[in-house]
Protein backbone atom coordinates (compact mmCIF):
# COMPACT_ATOMS: atom_id res chain seq x y z
CA MET A 1 6.69 3.42 18.12
CA ASN A 2 3.03 3.99 17.31
CA ARG A 3 1.52 2.38 14.23
CA HIS A 4 0.83 5.75 12.65
CA GLN A 5 4.61 6.32 12.56
CA VAL A 6 5.13 3.38 10.18
CA LEU A 7 4.69 5.52 7.06
CA THR A 8 7.87 6.91 5.58
CA GLY A 9 6.65 8.63 2.43
CA ALA A 10 4.03 9.05 -0.25
CA ALA A 11 1.87 6.38 -1.85
CA ASN A 12 3.47 3.97 -4.32
CA SER A 13 3.34 5.07 -7.95
CA GLY A 14 0.92 3.47 -10.38
CA ASP A 15 -2.75 3.32 -11.23
CA HIS A 16 -3.61 0.44 -8.88
CA CYS A 17 -1.98 1.65 -5.64
CA TYR A 18 -5.21 3.00 -4.18
CA ALA A 19 -8.83 1.88 -4.13
CA VAL A 20 -12.18 2.93 -2.71
CA GLY A 21 -14.53 0.56 -0.91
CA SER A 22 -17.33 0.59 1.62
CA VAL A 23 -18.53 -1.39 4.60
CA GLU A 24 -22.07 -1.13 5.98
CA GLY A 25 -22.65 1.94 3.79
CA VAL A 26 -19.56 3.81 5.03
CA SER A 27 -16.98 4.54 2.33
CA PHE A 28 -13.22 4.30 2.85
CA THR A 29 -10.02 4.68 0.82
CA ALA A 30 -7.07 2.29 0.97
CA TYR A 31 -3.62 3.00 -0.45
CA VAL A 32 -0.20 1.42 -0.31
CA ALA A 33 2.99 3.14 0.82
CA GLY A 34 5.97 0.85 0.34
CA CYS A 35 5.09 -2.35 2.21
CA ASP A 36 2.28 -0.80 4.28
CA ILE A 37 -1.46 -0.61 3.62
CA VAL A 38 -3.21 2.52 4.93
CA ILE A 39 -6.98 2.75 5.42
CA LEU A 40 -8.61 6.21 5.47
CA THR A 41 -12.19 7.32 6.11
CA GLY A 42 -14.20 9.01 3.39
CA ASP A 43 -12.85 12.39 4.56
CA PHE A 44 -9.23 11.06 4.59
CA GLN A 45 -8.72 10.54 8.31
CA ARG A 46 -6.51 7.55 9.10
CA ILE A 47 -8.37 4.67 10.76
CA GLN A 48 -6.00 1.71 10.28
CA ILE A 49 -2.49 0.86 9.11
CA ILE A 50 -1.56 -2.69 8.19
CA PRO A 51 2.24 -2.69 8.55
CA GLY A 52 4.53 -4.48 6.11
CA ALA A 53 5.54 -6.93 8.85
CA VAL A 54 2.13 -8.62 8.48
CA HIS A 55 3.01 -9.81 4.97
CA GLY A 56 6.80 -10.15 5.07
CA TYR A 57 7.97 -6.61 4.15
CA VAL A 58 7.26 -7.16 0.44
CA GLN A 59 6.35 -4.04 -1.56
CA VAL A 60 2.68 -4.03 -2.52
CA SER A 61 2.11 -3.37 -6.23
CA CYS A 62 -1.69 -3.51 -6.46
CA ILE A 63 -4.63 -3.08 -4.09
CA ASP A 64 -8.40 -3.42 -4.45
CA CYS A 65 -11.37 -3.01 -2.10
CA CYS A 66 -14.76 -4.69 -1.99
CA THR A 67 -17.69 -2.27 -2.07
CA ASP A 68 -19.96 -4.69 -0.18
CA THR A 69 -17.99 -6.42 2.58
CA GLY A 70 -15.16 -3.94 3.26
CA LYS A 71 -12.41 -6.45 2.50
CA VAL A 72 -9.09 -5.33 1.04
CA SER A 73 -6.96 -7.47 -1.28
CA ARG A 74 -3.33 -6.81 -2.09
CA ASN A 75 -0.91 -8.17 -4.66
CA THR A 76 2.88 -8.15 -4.55
CA SER A 77 5.44 -8.26 -7.34
CA LEU A 78 6.61 -11.78 -6.46
CA LYS A 79 6.64 -14.46 -9.16
CA ASN A 80 3.99 -16.41 -7.25
CA GLN A 81 1.42 -13.66 -6.89
CA TYR A 82 -1.16 -14.06 -4.17
CA TYR A 83 -3.95 -12.14 -2.48
CA VAL A 84 -4.68 -11.71 1.19
CA MET A 85 -8.14 -10.66 2.27
CA LEU A 86 -8.13 -8.37 5.30
CA SER A 87 -11.17 -7.29 7.30
CA LEU A 88 -11.30 -3.69 8.48
CA LYS A 89 -11.37 -2.83 12.17
CA TRP A 90 -13.62 0.17 12.76
CA PRO A 91 -12.93 2.28 15.85
């Protein structure tokens, strides 16, 4: 199975399930679909998927992106909420 086949549906509902950031002047969009984080270019072409297996198959409830360093933070609905900073891998 290819990583692009991980997605099973639309983005999670809510106001904080997508964010826009940039790295080295190049903008990108990140959104969450279930347990997965999807990174798209400024013109919405997929460049990276971070599968739910990376963070224990827990549904992501909130995501944010840094506009300077290109890091993505995510938050789950667990009682002990935590953030994981992920660096983007450009092709």
